Amino acid sequence: MWQADPTPLLTTPVIPVLTIARLEDAVPLVRALVAGGLPVIEVTLRTRIALEAVRAIIAEVPDVVAGIGTVTNRTDVSHACDAGAAFLASPGTSRALAEALTDAPVPSLPGCSTVSEAMMLMDFDFPVLKFFPAESSGGVRWLKAIAAPLPQLKFCPTGGIDAANAASYLALPNVIAVGGSWVAPADMIAAGDFGRVTALAQAASQLRKQHPAKL
């Protein structure tokens, strides 16, 4: 059993985690993020228009790598792949979901928050895991602790990460990128203030100069 490695897709230090409530916001929001240097995004399945938003983004923003997150079951996997997701992400991973992700035609970032969960996902040969919710599950200290016993695993931490602590995660050798919503605040999206979103994305994209990609 072998899983497609998502690492080549994670070319930016920060992956914006987007919850899109209005379809009309999807394309200008993602264009703003790409303009700021963050071309890899995760659109969560937390709204009824999420899949439609992803289709619009893929059709109208050719430079984006659009993943779909909050995938929790086999139906979500199927719908996300049909929508054109470049990768999948889950908040946690049951054995049934792990099997569904194994069968998916695109790479996955299956979620974990404990050592036992990480080891279970190792049994499925997933090379990169989503560590969620990162801050409330031990954060940087957890990732440092797991590096020695499980050196083959890489992580994309998400949950409670922002401009103040992102660099501390990216400095770790077993972290290849972080996910966060701070680069696309809900109030800026609601106000259509995409210029400020671009500015936040530009600041976040500079983290790669400090912490080169660990491919």
N, C-alpha and C. Protein backbone atom coordinates (compact mmCIF):
# COMPACT_ATOMS: atom_id res chain seq x y z
N MET A 1 0.86 -1.20 0.00
CA MET A 1 0.00 0.00 0.00
C MET A 1 0.89 1.25 0.00
N TRP A 2 0.59 2.19 -0.87
CA TRP A 2 1.40 3.41 -0.96
C TRP A 2 0.50 4.61 -1.18
N GLN A 3 0.79 5.69 -0.48
CA GLN A 3 -0.02 6.90 -0.61
C GLN A 3 0.73 7.97 -1.40
N ALA A 4 0.02 8.68 -2.25
CA ALA A 4 0.62 9.81 -2.96
C ALA A 4 1.10 10.84 -1.95
N ASP A 5 2.29 11.35 -2.16
CA ASP A 5 2.89 12.30 -1.23
C ASP A 5 2.42 13.71 -1.58
N PRO A 6 1.77 14.43 -0.65
CA PRO A 6 1.29 15.78 -0.95
C PRO A 6 2.39 16.83 -0.85
N THR A 7 3.58 16.45 -0.39
CA THR A 7 4.62 17.43 -0.14
C THR A 7 4.90 18.35 -1.33
N PRO A 8 5.00 17.84 -2.56
CA PRO A 8 5.27 18.75 -3.69
C PRO A 8 4.20 19.82 -3.89
N LEU A 9 2.98 19.58 -3.39
CA LEU A 9 1.92 20.57 -3.53
C LEU A 9 2.05 21.69 -2.50
N LEU A 10 2.74 21.41 -1.40
CA LEU A 10 2.79 22.37 -0.30
C LEU A 10 3.98 23.29 -0.48
N THR A 11 3.90 24.13 -1.49
CA THR A 11 5.03 24.95 -1.91
C THR A 11 5.12 26.29 -1.20
N THR A 12 4.15 26.60 -0.36
CA THR A 12 4.19 27.85 0.39
C THR A 12 4.18 27.53 1.88
N PRO A 13 4.70 28.41 2.71
CA PRO A 13 4.80 28.11 4.14
C PRO A 13 3.45 28.09 4.84
N VAL A 14 2.51 28.84 4.30
CA VAL A 14 1.19 28.96 4.94
C VAL A 14 0.11 28.55 3.95
N ILE A 15 -0.76 27.65 4.38
CA ILE A 15 -1.91 27.25 3.58
C ILE A 15 -3.15 27.90 4.18
N PRO A 16 -3.72 28.88 3.51
CA PRO A 16 -4.95 29.49 4.03
C PRO A 16 -6.06 28.46 4.15
N VAL A 17 -6.68 28.41 5.31
CA VAL A 17 -7.82 27.53 5.54
C VAL A 17 -9.07 28.39 5.45
N LEU A 18 -9.87 28.15 4.41
CA LEU A 18 -10.95 29.05 4.05
C LEU A 18 -12.32 28.43 4.29
N THR A 19 -13.16 29.17 4.99
CA THR A 19 -14.57 28.80 5.13
C THR A 19 -15.36 29.85 4.38
N ILE A 20 -15.85 29.49 3.20
CA ILE A 20 -16.47 30.45 2.28
C ILE A 20 -17.98 30.37 2.41
N ALA A 21 -18.57 31.45 2.88
CA ALA A 21 -20.01 31.48 3.13
C ALA A 21 -20.81 32.00 1.93
N ARG A 22 -20.17 32.86 1.10
CA ARG A 22 -20.86 33.43 -0.06
C ARG A 22 -20.09 33.09 -1.32
N LEU A 23 -20.78 32.55 -2.28
CA LEU A 23 -20.12 32.12 -3.51
C LEU A 23 -19.41 33.27 -4.20
N GLU A 24 -19.98 34.46 -4.14
CA GLU A 24 -19.38 35.61 -4.83
C GLU A 24 -18.04 36.03 -4.24
N ASP A 25 -17.73 35.56 -3.02
CA ASP A 25 -16.45 35.91 -2.40
C ASP A 25 -15.33 34.98 -2.83
N ALA A 26 -15.66 33.79 -3.35
CA ALA A 26 -14.67 32.74 -3.55
C ALA A 26 -13.53 33.16 -4.48
N VAL A 27 -13.86 33.59 -5.66
CA VAL A 27 -12.82 33.90 -6.64
C VAL A 27 -12.00 35.12 -6.26
N PRO A 28 -12.62 36.27 -5.89
CA PRO A 28 -11.78 37.42 -5.50
C PRO A 28 -10.91 37.13 -4.26
N LEU A 29 -11.42 36.33 -3.33
CA LEU A 29 -10.62 35.98 -2.15
C LEU A 29 -9.38 35.20 -2.55
N VAL A 30 -9.56 34.19 -3.37
CA VAL A 30 -8.42 33.36 -3.76
C VAL A 30 -7.47 34.12 -4.66
N ARG A 31 -7.99 34.97 -5.52
CA ARG A 31 -7.10 35.81 -6.33
C ARG A 31 -6.24 36.70 -5.45
N ALA A 32 -6.81 37.22 -4.38
CA ALA A 32 -6.07 38.06 -3.45
C ALA A 32 -4.96 37.28 -2.76
N LEU A 33 -5.26 36.04 -2.37
CA LEU A 33 -4.25 35.20 -1.71
C LEU A 33 -3.12 34.83 -2.67
N VAL A 34 -3.48 34.47 -3.90
CA VAL A 34 -2.46 34.13 -4.89
C VAL A 34 -1.59 35.35 -5.20
N ALA A 35 -2.20 36.52 -5.31
CA ALA A 35 -1.44 37.75 -5.56
C ALA A 35 -0.46 38.03 -4.44
N GLY A 36 -0.80 37.61 -3.23
CA GLY A 36 0.08 37.81 -2.08
C GLY A 36 1.13 36.73 -1.91
N GLY A 37 1.12 35.73 -2.77
CA GLY A 37 2.15 34.70 -2.73
C GLY A 37 1.75 33.42 -2.04
N LEU A 38 0.44 33.20 -1.86
CA LEU A 38 -0.04 31.96 -1.23
C LEU A 38 -0.97 31.23 -2.21
N PRO A 39 -0.41 30.43 -3.11
CA PRO A 39 -1.22 29.78 -4.15
C PRO A 39 -1.79 28.43 -3.76
N VAL A 40 -1.53 27.96 -2.54
CA VAL A 40 -2.07 26.68 -2.09
C VAL A 40 -3.11 26.96 -1.01
N ILE A 41 -4.33 26.48 -1.19
CA ILE A 41 -5.41 26.78 -0.25
C ILE A 41 -6.13 25.50 0.15
N GLU A 42 -6.81 25.57 1.28
CA GLU A 42 -7.72 24.51 1.73
C GLU A 42 -9.09 25.12 1.95
N VAL A 43 -10.06 24.70 1.17
CA VAL A 43 -11.44 25.15 1.35
C VAL A 43 -12.18 24.11 2.19
N THR A 44 -12.72 24.53 3.31
CA THR A 44 -13.37 23.58 4.20
C THR A 44 -14.80 23.28 3.76
N LEU A 45 -15.23 22.06 4.06
CA LEU A 45 -16.60 21.65 3.76
C LEU A 45 -17.51 22.03 4.93
N ARG A 46 -17.51 23.31 5.28
CA ARG A 46 -18.30 23.77 6.43
C ARG A 46 -19.48 24.63 6.01
N THR A 47 -19.63 24.85 4.72
CA THR A 47 -20.76 25.62 4.22
C THR A 47 -21.39 24.87 3.06
N ARG A 48 -22.64 25.21 2.78
CA ARG A 48 -23.38 24.47 1.75
C ARG A 48 -22.86 24.77 0.34
N ILE A 49 -22.14 25.88 0.17
CA ILE A 49 -21.67 26.23 -1.16
C ILE A 49 -20.18 25.90 -1.35
N ALA A 50 -19.59 25.17 -0.42
CA ALA A 50 -18.15 24.93 -0.47
C ALA A 50 -17.71 24.26 -1.77
N LEU A 51 -18.39 23.21 -2.17
CA LEU A 51 -17.99 22.50 -3.39
C LEU A 51 -18.18 23.36 -4.63
N GLU A 52 -19.27 24.11 -4.66
CA GLU A 52 -19.50 25.01 -5.78
C GLU A 52 -18.42 26.08 -5.83
N ALA A 53 -18.01 26.55 -4.65
CA ALA A 53 -16.95 27.56 -4.58
C ALA A 53 -15.64 27.00 -5.13
N VAL A 54 -15.32 25.77 -4.79
CA VAL A 54 -14.09 25.16 -5.29
C VAL A 54 -14.12 25.04 -6.81
N ARG A 55 -15.24 24.64 -7.34
CA ARG A 55 -15.34 24.53 -8.81
C ARG A 55 -15.11 25.89 -9.47
N ALA A 56 -15.68 26.94 -8.89
CA ALA A 56 -15.50 28.28 -9.45
C ALA A 56 -14.05 28.72 -9.34
N ILE A 57 -13.43 28.43 -8.22
CA ILE A 57 -12.02 28.81 -8.01
C ILE A 57 -11.13 28.12 -9.03
N ILE A 58 -11.32 26.82 -9.20
CA ILE A 58 -10.49 26.06 -10.15
C ILE A 58 -10.69 26.58 -11.57
N ALA A 59 -11.92 26.94 -11.92
CA ALA A 59 -12.21 27.41 -13.27
C ALA A 59 -11.64 28.79 -13.55
N GLU A 60 -11.58 29.64 -12.52
CA GLU A 60 -11.24 31.04 -12.75
C GLU A 60 -9.89 31.50 -12.19
N VAL A 61 -9.26 30.65 -11.39
CA VAL A 61 -7.94 31.02 -10.85
C VAL A 61 -6.98 29.88 -11.18
N PRO A 62 -6.41 29.90 -12.39
CA PRO A 62 -5.63 28.75 -12.86
C PRO A 62 -4.35 28.51 -12.07
N ASP A 63 -3.84 29.51 -11.38
CA ASP A 63 -2.58 29.36 -10.66
C ASP A 63 -2.73 28.76 -9.27
N VAL A 64 -3.95 28.45 -8.85
CA VAL A 64 -4.16 27.99 -7.48
C VAL A 64 -4.09 26.47 -7.40
N VAL A 65 -3.61 25.98 -6.27
CA VAL A 65 -3.69 24.56 -5.91
C VAL A 65 -4.77 24.47 -4.84
N ALA A 66 -5.94 23.98 -5.20
CA ALA A 66 -7.09 24.03 -4.31
C ALA A 66 -7.37 22.66 -3.70
N GLY A 67 -7.12 22.56 -2.40
CA GLY A 67 -7.47 21.36 -1.66
C GLY A 67 -8.81 21.55 -0.96
N ILE A 68 -9.38 20.46 -0.51
CA ILE A 68 -10.65 20.50 0.21
C ILE A 68 -10.46 19.84 1.57
N GLY A 69 -10.87 20.56 2.62
CA GLY A 69 -10.71 20.07 3.98
C GLY A 69 -12.03 19.81 4.67
N THR A 70 -11.95 19.43 5.94
CA THR A 70 -13.10 18.98 6.73
C THR A 70 -13.76 17.78 6.06
N VAL A 71 -12.94 16.95 5.45
CA VAL A 71 -13.39 15.69 4.86
C VAL A 71 -13.50 14.68 6.00
N THR A 72 -14.68 14.10 6.21
CA THR A 72 -14.87 13.23 7.37
C THR A 72 -15.39 11.83 7.03
N ASN A 73 -15.76 11.58 5.78
CA ASN A 73 -16.30 10.26 5.44
C ASN A 73 -16.10 10.00 3.95
N ARG A 74 -16.45 8.80 3.53
CA ARG A 74 -16.22 8.40 2.13
C ARG A 74 -17.02 9.26 1.15
N THR A 75 -18.22 9.69 1.54
CA THR A 75 -19.01 10.55 0.66
C THR A 75 -18.32 11.88 0.44
N ASP A 76 -17.77 12.45 1.52
CA ASP A 76 -17.01 13.70 1.37
C ASP A 76 -15.84 13.52 0.41
N VAL A 77 -15.14 12.40 0.55
CA VAL A 77 -14.00 12.12 -0.32
C VAL A 77 -14.44 12.11 -1.77
N SER A 78 -15.53 11.41 -2.04
CA SER A 78 -16.03 11.31 -3.41
C SER A 78 -16.44 12.67 -3.97
N HIS A 79 -17.20 13.43 -3.19
CA HIS A 79 -17.65 14.74 -3.65
C HIS A 79 -16.47 15.69 -3.86
N ALA A 80 -15.50 15.65 -2.96
CA ALA A 80 -14.34 16.54 -3.09
C ALA A 80 -13.53 16.23 -4.33
N CYS A 81 -13.33 14.95 -4.60
CA CYS A 81 -12.59 14.57 -5.80
C CYS A 81 -13.36 14.95 -7.06
N ASP A 82 -14.67 14.76 -7.04
CA ASP A 82 -15.49 15.15 -8.19
C ASP A 82 -15.42 16.65 -8.45
N ALA A 83 -15.26 17.43 -7.38
CA ALA A 83 -15.18 18.89 -7.52
C ALA A 83 -13.82 19.35 -8.04
N GLY A 84 -12.84 18.45 -8.08
CA GLY A 84 -11.54 18.79 -8.62
C GLY A 84 -10.47 19.07 -7.59
N ALA A 85 -10.67 18.65 -6.36
CA ALA A 85 -9.68 18.91 -5.30
C ALA A 85 -8.30 18.38 -5.69
N ALA A 86 -7.27 19.20 -5.45
CA ALA A 86 -5.90 18.77 -5.71
C ALA A 86 -5.38 17.91 -4.57
N PHE A 87 -5.94 18.11 -3.37
CA PHE A 87 -5.60 17.27 -2.22
C PHE A 87 -6.76 17.33 -1.24
N LEU A 88 -6.77 16.39 -0.30
CA LEU A 88 -7.82 16.31 0.70
C LEU A 88 -7.21 16.47 2.09
N ALA A 89 -7.98 17.01 3.03
CA ALA A 89 -7.52 17.14 4.41
C ALA A 89 -8.67 16.82 5.34
N SER A 90 -8.35 16.18 6.46
CA SER A 90 -9.38 15.83 7.42
C SER A 90 -8.99 16.33 8.80
N PRO A 91 -9.97 16.64 9.66
CA PRO A 91 -9.65 17.10 11.01
C PRO A 91 -9.16 15.98 11.91
N GLY A 92 -9.61 14.78 11.65
CA GLY A 92 -9.19 13.57 12.35
C GLY A 92 -9.41 12.42 11.38
N THR A 93 -9.03 11.21 11.78
CA THR A 93 -9.12 10.13 10.81
C THR A 93 -9.54 8.83 11.49
N SER A 94 -10.74 8.38 11.18
CA SER A 94 -11.15 7.05 11.58
C SER A 94 -10.52 6.05 10.63
N ARG A 95 -10.56 4.77 11.02
CA ARG A 95 -10.01 3.75 10.12
C ARG A 95 -10.79 3.71 8.80
N ALA A 96 -12.11 3.89 8.88
CA ALA A 96 -12.91 3.89 7.65
C ALA A 96 -12.52 5.04 6.74
N LEU A 97 -12.27 6.22 7.32
CA LEU A 97 -11.86 7.36 6.50
C LEU A 97 -10.47 7.14 5.93
N ALA A 98 -9.59 6.56 6.72
CA ALA A 98 -8.24 6.27 6.22
C ALA A 98 -8.31 5.37 5.00
N GLU A 99 -9.20 4.39 5.04
CA GLU A 99 -9.35 3.50 3.89
C GLU A 99 -9.89 4.25 2.67
N ALA A 100 -10.83 5.18 2.92
CA ALA A 100 -11.38 5.97 1.81
C ALA A 100 -10.31 6.88 1.21
N LEU A 101 -9.50 7.47 2.05
CA LEU A 101 -8.43 8.34 1.56
C LEU A 101 -7.38 7.53 0.81
N THR A 102 -7.17 6.30 1.23
CA THR A 102 -6.26 5.41 0.52
C THR A 102 -6.72 5.18 -0.91
N ASP A 103 -8.03 5.10 -1.08
CA ASP A 103 -8.59 4.84 -2.41
C ASP A 103 -8.70 6.09 -3.27
N ALA A 104 -8.52 7.26 -2.68
CA ALA A 104 -8.71 8.51 -3.41
C ALA A 104 -7.63 8.70 -4.48
N PRO A 105 -7.98 9.36 -5.58
CA PRO A 105 -7.01 9.55 -6.66
C PRO A 105 -6.07 10.74 -6.45
N VAL A 106 -6.21 11.44 -5.32
CA VAL A 106 -5.37 12.60 -5.05
C VAL A 106 -4.72 12.43 -3.68
N PRO A 107 -3.63 13.16 -3.39
CA PRO A 107 -2.97 13.05 -2.09
C PRO A 107 -3.87 13.53 -0.95
N SER A 108 -3.54 13.09 0.26
CA SER A 108 -4.33 13.47 1.43
C SER A 108 -3.44 13.89 2.58
N LEU A 109 -4.00 14.77 3.41
CA LEU A 109 -3.41 15.14 4.69
C LEU A 109 -4.38 14.68 5.77
N PRO A 110 -4.31 13.41 6.18
CA PRO A 110 -5.23 12.91 7.20
C PRO A 110 -4.88 13.51 8.56
N GLY A 111 -5.91 13.85 9.32
CA GLY A 111 -5.69 14.53 10.59
C GLY A 111 -5.41 13.60 11.74
N CYS A 112 -4.58 14.08 12.67
CA CYS A 112 -4.31 13.35 13.91
C CYS A 112 -4.01 14.36 15.01
N SER A 113 -4.17 13.93 16.27
CA SER A 113 -3.82 14.79 17.40
C SER A 113 -3.13 14.02 18.51
N THR A 114 -2.90 12.70 18.30
CA THR A 114 -2.21 11.89 19.29
C THR A 114 -1.17 11.01 18.61
N VAL A 115 -0.23 10.47 19.42
CA VAL A 115 0.79 9.58 18.89
C VAL A 115 0.15 8.31 18.34
N SER A 116 -0.85 7.79 19.03
CA SER A 116 -1.50 6.56 18.57
C SER A 116 -2.17 6.77 17.21
N GLU A 117 -2.82 7.92 17.03
CA GLU A 117 -3.44 8.21 15.74
C GLU A 117 -2.38 8.33 14.65
N ALA A 118 -1.27 8.97 14.98
CA ALA A 118 -0.19 9.11 14.00
C ALA A 118 0.35 7.74 13.60
N MET A 119 0.50 6.86 14.57
CA MET A 119 1.00 5.52 14.28
C MET A 119 0.01 4.73 13.44
N MET A 120 -1.28 4.88 13.71
CA MET A 120 -2.29 4.21 12.89
C MET A 120 -2.19 4.66 11.44
N LEU A 121 -1.99 5.96 11.23
CA LEU A 121 -1.88 6.48 9.87
C LEU A 121 -0.58 6.05 9.21
N MET A 122 0.47 5.82 10.02
CA MET A 122 1.69 5.24 9.46
C MET A 122 1.42 3.86 8.88
N ASP A 123 0.52 3.10 9.52
CA ASP A 123 0.18 1.77 9.01
C ASP A 123 -0.44 1.85 7.62
N PHE A 124 -1.06 2.99 7.32
CA PHE A 124 -1.65 3.20 5.99
C PHE A 124 -0.66 3.87 5.03
N ASP A 125 0.56 4.10 5.50
CA ASP A 125 1.63 4.67 4.67
C ASP A 125 1.39 6.11 4.24
N PHE A 126 0.70 6.88 5.06
CA PHE A 126 0.58 8.31 4.77
C PHE A 126 1.86 9.01 5.22
N PRO A 127 2.55 9.72 4.33
CA PRO A 127 3.84 10.31 4.70
C PRO A 127 3.73 11.67 5.40
N VAL A 128 2.62 12.38 5.18
CA VAL A 128 2.43 13.72 5.76
C VAL A 128 1.06 13.76 6.41
N LEU A 129 1.01 14.23 7.66
CA LEU A 129 -0.23 14.26 8.40
C LEU A 129 -0.60 15.69 8.77
N LYS A 130 -1.89 15.93 8.91
CA LYS A 130 -2.37 17.20 9.45
C LYS A 130 -2.44 17.05 10.97
N PHE A 131 -1.79 17.93 11.70
CA PHE A 131 -1.83 17.92 13.15
C PHE A 131 -2.87 18.95 13.58
N PHE A 132 -4.01 18.45 14.07
CA PHE A 132 -5.14 19.32 14.40
C PHE A 132 -5.88 18.79 15.62
N PRO A 133 -6.35 19.69 16.50
CA PRO A 133 -6.06 21.13 16.57
C PRO A 133 -4.71 21.35 17.24
N ALA A 134 -3.80 21.93 16.52
CA ALA A 134 -2.39 21.95 16.92
C ALA A 134 -2.15 22.59 18.29
N GLU A 135 -2.57 23.82 18.45
CA GLU A 135 -2.24 24.54 19.69
C GLU A 135 -2.82 23.87 20.92
N SER A 136 -4.06 23.41 20.85
CA SER A 136 -4.68 22.81 22.02
C SER A 136 -4.31 21.34 22.21
N SER A 137 -3.53 20.77 21.27
CA SER A 137 -3.10 19.38 21.38
C SER A 137 -1.61 19.24 21.71
N GLY A 138 -0.99 20.32 22.13
CA GLY A 138 0.42 20.25 22.50
C GLY A 138 1.33 21.10 21.67
N GLY A 139 0.87 21.53 20.50
CA GLY A 139 1.60 22.50 19.69
C GLY A 139 3.02 22.10 19.36
N VAL A 140 3.92 23.07 19.46
CA VAL A 140 5.32 22.88 19.12
C VAL A 140 5.95 21.80 20.00
N ARG A 141 5.60 21.77 21.27
CA ARG A 141 6.19 20.78 22.19
C ARG A 141 5.83 19.35 21.76
N TRP A 142 4.59 19.14 21.32
CA TRP A 142 4.18 17.81 20.86
C TRP A 142 4.98 17.41 19.63
N LEU A 143 5.11 18.33 18.69
CA LEU A 143 5.84 18.03 17.46
C LEU A 143 7.32 17.74 17.73
N LYS A 144 7.90 18.46 18.66
CA LYS A 144 9.30 18.18 19.03
C LYS A 144 9.41 16.80 19.67
N ALA A 145 8.46 16.45 20.51
CA ALA A 145 8.51 15.18 21.22
C ALA A 145 8.35 13.98 20.29
N ILE A 146 7.51 14.14 19.25
CA ILE A 146 7.24 13.01 18.36
C ILE A 146 8.31 12.83 17.29
N ALA A 147 9.16 13.82 17.12
CA ALA A 147 10.15 13.77 16.05
C ALA A 147 11.13 12.61 16.22
N ALA A 148 11.53 12.32 17.45
CA ALA A 148 12.52 11.26 17.67
C ALA A 148 11.94 9.87 17.46
N PRO A 149 10.79 9.52 18.07
CA PRO A 149 10.27 8.17 17.87
C PRO A 149 9.65 7.92 16.50
N LEU A 150 9.18 8.98 15.85
CA LEU A 150 8.55 8.83 14.53
C LEU A 150 9.21 9.78 13.53
N PRO A 151 10.48 9.58 13.25
CA PRO A 151 11.22 10.55 12.42
C PRO A 151 10.78 10.57 10.97
N GLN A 152 10.09 9.52 10.51
CA GLN A 152 9.69 9.47 9.11
C GLN A 152 8.48 10.32 8.79
N LEU A 153 7.77 10.79 9.81
CA LEU A 153 6.55 11.56 9.58
C LEU A 153 6.82 13.05 9.45
N LYS A 154 6.08 13.69 8.55
CA LYS A 154 6.06 15.14 8.42
C LYS A 154 4.64 15.62 8.73
N PHE A 155 4.54 16.90 9.10
CA PHE A 155 3.25 17.42 9.53
C PHE A 155 2.93 18.77 8.92
N CYS A 156 1.63 19.01 8.80
CA CYS A 156 1.10 20.34 8.49
C CYS A 156 0.17 20.70 9.65
N PRO A 157 0.68 21.41 10.66
CA PRO A 157 -0.15 21.77 11.81
C PRO A 157 -1.18 22.84 11.45
N THR A 158 -2.36 22.70 12.01
CA THR A 158 -3.47 23.64 11.79
C THR A 158 -4.28 23.71 13.08
N GLY A 159 -4.80 24.89 13.37
CA GLY A 159 -5.64 25.04 14.55
C GLY A 159 -4.95 25.88 15.61
N GLY A 160 -5.34 27.14 15.70
CA GLY A 160 -4.73 28.04 16.67
C GLY A 160 -3.42 28.65 16.21
N ILE A 161 -3.09 28.48 14.94
CA ILE A 161 -1.85 29.05 14.41
C ILE A 161 -2.14 30.39 13.77
N ASP A 162 -1.27 31.35 14.05
CA ASP A 162 -1.47 32.71 13.53
C ASP A 162 -0.12 33.35 13.24
N ALA A 163 -0.14 34.63 12.94
CA ALA A 163 1.09 35.33 12.58
C ALA A 163 2.10 35.34 13.72
N ALA A 164 1.64 35.23 14.95
CA ALA A 164 2.54 35.30 16.10
C ALA A 164 3.30 34.00 16.35
N ASN A 165 2.72 32.86 15.98
CA ASN A 165 3.39 31.59 16.31
C ASN A 165 3.74 30.74 15.11
N ALA A 166 3.37 31.16 13.90
CA ALA A 166 3.63 30.34 12.72
C ALA A 166 5.11 30.03 12.55
N ALA A 167 5.97 31.00 12.78
CA ALA A 167 7.41 30.79 12.57
C ALA A 167 7.97 29.73 13.49
N SER A 168 7.45 29.64 14.72
CA SER A 168 7.96 28.63 15.66
C SER A 168 7.63 27.22 15.18
N TYR A 169 6.51 27.05 14.50
CA TYR A 169 6.17 25.75 13.92
C TYR A 169 7.05 25.47 12.70
N LEU A 170 7.19 26.45 11.82
CA LEU A 170 7.94 26.24 10.59
C LEU A 170 9.42 25.99 10.83
N ALA A 171 9.92 26.37 12.01
CA ALA A 171 11.32 26.13 12.34
C ALA A 171 11.60 24.66 12.64
N LEU A 172 10.55 23.87 12.88
CA LEU A 172 10.73 22.46 13.23
C LEU A 172 11.03 21.64 11.98
N PRO A 173 11.95 20.69 12.07
CA PRO A 173 12.32 19.90 10.89
C PRO A 173 11.21 18.97 10.40
N ASN A 174 10.24 18.63 11.26
CA ASN A 174 9.16 17.74 10.81
C ASN A 174 7.89 18.50 10.41
N VAL A 175 8.00 19.80 10.23
CA VAL A 175 6.87 20.62 9.76
C VAL A 175 7.20 21.16 8.38
N ILE A 176 6.33 20.87 7.41
CA ILE A 176 6.60 21.33 6.04
C ILE A 176 5.77 22.56 5.68
N ALA A 177 4.69 22.81 6.40
CA ALA A 177 3.84 23.98 6.17
C ALA A 177 2.89 24.07 7.35
N VAL A 178 2.24 25.21 7.49
CA VAL A 178 1.19 25.36 8.50
C VAL A 178 -0.08 25.83 7.81
N GLY A 179 -1.22 25.49 8.42
CA GLY A 179 -2.49 25.97 7.90
C GLY A 179 -3.09 26.96 8.88
N GLY A 180 -3.78 27.96 8.34
CA GLY A 180 -4.38 28.94 9.22
C GLY A 180 -5.37 29.84 8.50
N SER A 181 -6.26 30.42 9.28
CA SER A 181 -7.28 31.31 8.71
C SER A 181 -6.95 32.78 8.93
N TRP A 182 -5.85 33.07 9.61
CA TRP A 182 -5.57 34.47 9.93
C TRP A 182 -5.27 35.32 8.71
N VAL A 183 -4.89 34.68 7.59
CA VAL A 183 -4.59 35.45 6.38
C VAL A 183 -5.85 35.83 5.61
N ALA A 184 -6.99 35.29 6.04
CA ALA A 184 -8.26 35.62 5.38
C ALA A 184 -9.35 35.77 6.44
N PRO A 185 -9.26 36.82 7.25
CA PRO A 185 -10.24 37.00 8.33
C PRO A 185 -11.66 37.18 7.81
N ALA A 186 -12.61 36.63 8.57
CA ALA A 186 -14.00 36.67 8.14
C ALA A 186 -14.51 38.10 7.94
N ASP A 187 -14.06 39.03 8.79
CA ASP A 187 -14.56 40.40 8.65
C ASP A 187 -14.05 41.06 7.37
N MET A 188 -12.81 40.75 6.97
CA MET A 188 -12.29 41.30 5.72
C MET A 188 -13.02 40.71 4.52
N ILE A 189 -13.30 39.42 4.58
CA ILE A 189 -14.03 38.79 3.48
C ILE A 189 -15.43 39.39 3.37
N ALA A 190 -16.10 39.54 4.50
CA ALA A 190 -17.47 40.09 4.49
C ALA A 190 -17.49 41.50 3.95
N ALA A 191 -16.42 42.27 4.24
CA ALA A 191 -16.35 43.65 3.79
C ALA A 191 -15.82 43.77 2.36
N GLY A 192 -15.37 42.66 1.78
CA GLY A 192 -14.78 42.71 0.44
C GLY A 192 -13.44 43.41 0.41
N ASP A 193 -12.74 43.40 1.54
CA ASP A 193 -11.46 44.11 1.65
C ASP A 193 -10.33 43.17 1.25
N PHE A 194 -10.29 42.83 -0.02
CA PHE A 194 -9.34 41.84 -0.48
C PHE A 194 -7.93 42.41 -0.63
N GLY A 195 -7.80 43.72 -0.67
CA GLY A 195 -6.47 44.33 -0.67
C GLY A 195 -5.74 44.03 0.62
N ARG A 196 -6.45 44.07 1.73
CA ARG A 196 -5.83 43.75 3.02
C ARG A 196 -5.51 42.26 3.12
N VAL A 197 -6.34 41.43 2.50
CA VAL A 197 -6.05 40.00 2.46
C VAL A 197 -4.74 39.76 1.72
N THR A 198 -4.55 40.45 0.60
CA THR A 198 -3.29 40.32 -0.14
C THR A 198 -2.11 40.74 0.72
N ALA A 199 -2.25 41.81 1.49
CA ALA A 199 -1.17 42.27 2.35
C ALA A 199 -0.83 41.22 3.42
N LEU A 200 -1.85 40.60 4.00
CA LEU A 200 -1.61 39.55 4.99
C LEU A 200 -0.92 38.35 4.34
N ALA A 201 -1.34 38.01 3.13
CA ALA A 201 -0.73 36.90 2.41
C ALA A 201 0.73 37.19 2.09
N GLN A 202 1.03 38.42 1.69
CA GLN A 202 2.41 38.79 1.39
C GLN A 202 3.30 38.63 2.62
N ALA A 203 2.80 39.05 3.77
CA ALA A 203 3.57 38.91 5.01
C ALA A 203 3.80 37.44 5.34
N ALA A 204 2.75 36.62 5.18
CA ALA A 204 2.88 35.20 5.47
C ALA A 204 3.82 34.50 4.50
N SER A 205 3.79 34.89 3.24
CA SER A 205 4.63 34.23 2.25
C SER A 205 6.11 34.46 2.51
N GLN A 206 6.45 35.52 3.23
CA GLN A 206 7.85 35.81 3.54
C GLN A 206 8.45 34.80 4.51
N LEU A 207 7.60 34.04 5.19
CA LEU A 207 8.10 33.04 6.13
C LEU A 207 8.91 31.97 5.41
N ARG A 208 8.67 31.76 4.13
CA ARG A 208 9.44 30.75 3.40
C ARG A 208 10.91 31.13 3.28
N LYS A 209 11.20 32.42 3.23
CA LYS A 209 12.60 32.85 3.15
C LYS A 209 13.33 32.49 4.44
N GLN A 210 12.62 32.56 5.55
CA GLN A 210 13.22 32.21 6.84
C GLN A 210 13.31 30.71 7.03
N HIS A 211 12.33 29.98 6.46
CA HIS A 211 12.24 28.54 6.67
C HIS A 211 12.01 27.85 5.32
N PRO A 212 13.08 27.52 4.59
CA PRO A 212 12.96 26.92 3.27
C PRO A 212 12.14 25.63 3.31
N ALA A 213 11.50 25.33 2.17
CA ALA A 213 10.66 24.14 2.07
C ALA A 213 11.46 22.88 2.35
N LYS A 214 10.86 21.94 3.08
CA LYS A 214 11.52 20.69 3.44
C LYS A 214 10.96 19.58 2.53
N LEU A 215 11.35 19.61 1.28
CA LEU A 215 10.84 18.63 0.31
C LEU A 215 11.65 17.34 0.39
